[in-house]
Amino acid sequence: MIPYTPPQAITSLPIIDLSMLQSPRTEHRAAIAAQIRSACLNTGFFYVTHHGIPSDAFTRQYALSRTFFDLSLNEKL
């Protein structure tokens, strides 16, 4: 059982390095999993680094989201 802790103001977001996620060593992957679990329980949000997603994918997604949000409400629905 996890004891209840009242919410606290967030002063920073955790940054989780995923570079060792493909490691053959179980303890490396377990450490990343523990960091993600802690971030989810304590802040609900986190940044990741070394995830392997190309930067142009972010650029394309941002452009697509901008196109969507520029639509009228009727077009979005």
C-alpha atoms as a PDB file:
ATOM      1  CA  MET A   1       0.000   0.000   0.000  1.00  0.00           C
ATOM      2  CA  ILE A   2       1.309   3.432  -0.951  1.00  0.00           C
ATOM      3  CA  PRO A   3       0.685   6.069   1.737  1.00  0.00           C
ATOM      4  CA  TYR A   4      -1.113   9.224   0.628  1.00  0.00           C
ATOM      5  CA  THR A   5       1.014  12.316   0.198  1.00  0.00           C
ATOM      6  CA  PRO A   6      -0.787  15.624  -0.342  1.00  0.00           C
ATOM      7  CA  PRO A   7      -0.017  17.384  -3.652  1.00  0.00           C
ATOM      8  CA  GLN A   8       2.858  19.835  -3.690  1.00  0.00           C
ATOM      9  CA  ALA A   9       3.740  22.636  -6.091  1.00  0.00           C
ATOM     10  CA  ILE A  10       5.964  21.479  -8.921  1.00  0.00           C
ATOM     11  CA  THR A  11       9.167  23.479  -9.227  1.00  0.00           C
ATOM     12  CA  SER A  12      10.771  21.459 -12.029  1.00  0.00           C
ATOM     13  CA  LEU A  13      10.081  18.489 -14.269  1.00  0.00           C
ATOM     14  CA  PRO A  14      12.212  15.360 -14.145  1.00  0.00           C
ATOM     15  CA  ILE A  15      14.469  14.730 -17.140  1.00  0.00           C
ATOM     16  CA  ILE A  16      14.855  11.029 -17.918  1.00  0.00           C
ATOM     17  CA  ASP A  17      17.670   9.803 -20.154  1.00  0.00           C
ATOM     18  CA  LEU A  18      16.513   6.829 -22.231  1.00  0.00           C
ATOM     19  CA  SER A  19      19.917   6.072 -23.771  1.00  0.00           C
ATOM     20  CA  MET A  20      20.339   2.890 -21.701  1.00  0.00           C
ATOM     21  CA  LEU A  21      16.832   1.581 -22.430  1.00  0.00           C
ATOM     22  CA  GLN A  22      18.198  -0.962 -24.927  1.00  0.00           C
ATOM     23  CA  SER A  23      20.943  -2.086 -22.553  1.00  0.00           C
ATOM     24  CA  PRO A  24      21.283  -5.837 -22.043  1.00  0.00           C
ATOM     25  CA  ARG A  25      21.775  -5.131 -18.333  1.00  0.00           C
ATOM     26  CA  THR A  26      18.547  -5.465 -16.398  1.00  0.00           C
ATOM     27  CA  GLU A  27      19.614  -2.948 -13.755  1.00  0.00           C
ATOM     28  CA  HIS A  28      19.957  -0.194 -16.402  1.00  0.00           C
ATOM     29  CA  ARG A  29      16.439  -0.748 -17.680  1.00  0.00           C
ATOM     30  CA  ALA A  30      15.087  -1.101 -14.131  1.00  0.00           C
ATOM     31  CA  ALA A  31      16.652   2.233 -13.173  1.00  0.00           C
ATOM     32  CA  ILE A  32      14.914   3.964 -16.085  1.00  0.00           C
ATOM     33  CA  ALA A  33      11.617   2.302 -15.185  1.00  0.00           C
ATOM     34  CA  ALA A  34      12.028   3.476 -11.579  1.00  0.00           C
ATOM     35  CA  GLN A  35      12.660   7.042 -12.749  1.00  0.00           C
ATOM     36  CA  ILE A  36       9.557   6.980 -14.954  1.00  0.00           C
ATOM     37  CA  ARG A  37       7.471   5.534 -12.121  1.00  0.00           C
ATOM     38  CA  SER A  38       8.703   8.187  -9.709  1.00  0.00           C
ATOM     39  CA  ALA A  39       8.011  10.969 -12.200  1.00  0.00           C
ATOM     40  CA  CYS A  40       4.495   9.680 -12.846  1.00  0.00           C
ATOM     41  CA  LEU A  41       3.716   9.375  -9.143  1.00  0.00           C
ATOM     42  CA  ASN A  42       5.341  12.618  -8.013  1.00  0.00           C
ATOM     43  CA  THR A  43       4.765  15.115 -10.830  1.00  0.00           C
ATOM     44  CA  GLY A  44       2.689  13.399 -13.500  1.00  0.00           C
ATOM     45  CA  PHE A  45       4.958  14.770 -16.232  1.00  0.00           C
ATOM     46  CA  PHE A  46       8.544  14.361 -17.351  1.00  0.00           C
ATOM     47  CA  TYR A  47      10.946  15.120 -20.184  1.00  0.00           C
ATOM     48  CA  VAL A  48      12.888  12.395 -21.967  1.00  0.00           C
ATOM     49  CA  THR A  49      16.267  12.665 -23.675  1.00  0.00           C
ATOM     50  CA  HIS A  50      18.070  10.315 -26.030  1.00  0.00           C
ATOM     51  CA  HIS A  51      14.753   8.805 -27.173  1.00  0.00           C
ATOM     52  CA  GLY A  52      15.863   8.316 -30.788  1.00  0.00           C
ATOM     53  CA  ILE A  53      12.976  10.211 -32.394  1.00  0.00           C
ATOM     54  CA  PRO A  54      14.340  12.378 -35.227  1.00  0.00           C
ATOM     55  CA  SER A  55      13.866  16.125 -34.795  1.00  0.00           C
ATOM     56  CA  ASP A  56      12.093  16.414 -38.164  1.00  0.00           C
ATOM     57  CA  ALA A  57       9.305  14.219 -36.750  1.00  0.00           C
ATOM     58  CA  PHE A  58       8.678  16.881 -34.093  1.00  0.00           C
ATOM     59  CA  THR A  59       8.723  19.596 -36.738  1.00  0.00           C
ATOM     60  CA  ARG A  60       6.157  17.721 -38.848  1.00  0.00           C
ATOM     61  CA  GLN A  61       3.906  17.028 -35.848  1.00  0.00           C
ATOM     62  CA  TYR A  62       4.010  20.670 -34.767  1.00  0.00           C
ATOM     63  CA  ALA A  63       3.043  21.784 -38.279  1.00  0.00           C
ATOM     64  CA  LEU A  64       0.182  19.261 -38.382  1.00  0.00           C
ATOM     65  CA  SER A  65      -1.112  20.361 -34.986  1.00  0.00           C
ATOM     66  CA  ARG A  66      -0.912  24.027 -36.031  1.00  0.00           C
ATOM     67  CA  THR A  67      -2.938  23.185 -39.168  1.00  0.00           C
ATOM     68  CA  PHE A  68      -5.559  21.417 -37.055  1.00  0.00           C
ATOM     69  CA  PHE A  69      -5.892  24.147 -34.427  1.00  0.00           C
ATOM     70  CA  ASP A  70      -6.170  26.825 -37.107  1.00  0.00           C
ATOM     71  CA  LEU A  71      -9.371  25.157 -38.364  1.00  0.00           C
ATOM     72  CA  SER A  72     -12.764  26.497 -37.380  1.00  0.00           C
ATOM     73  CA  LEU A  73     -14.646  24.646 -34.655  1.00  0.00           C
ATOM     74  CA  ASN A  74     -17.063  23.150 -37.200  1.00  0.00           C
ATOM     75  CA  GLU A  75     -14.186  21.832 -39.303  1.00  0.00           C
ATOM     76  CA  LYS A  76     -12.520  20.318 -36.223  1.00  0.00           C
ATOM     77  CA  LEU A  77     -15.721  18.547 -35.245  1.00  0.00           C
END
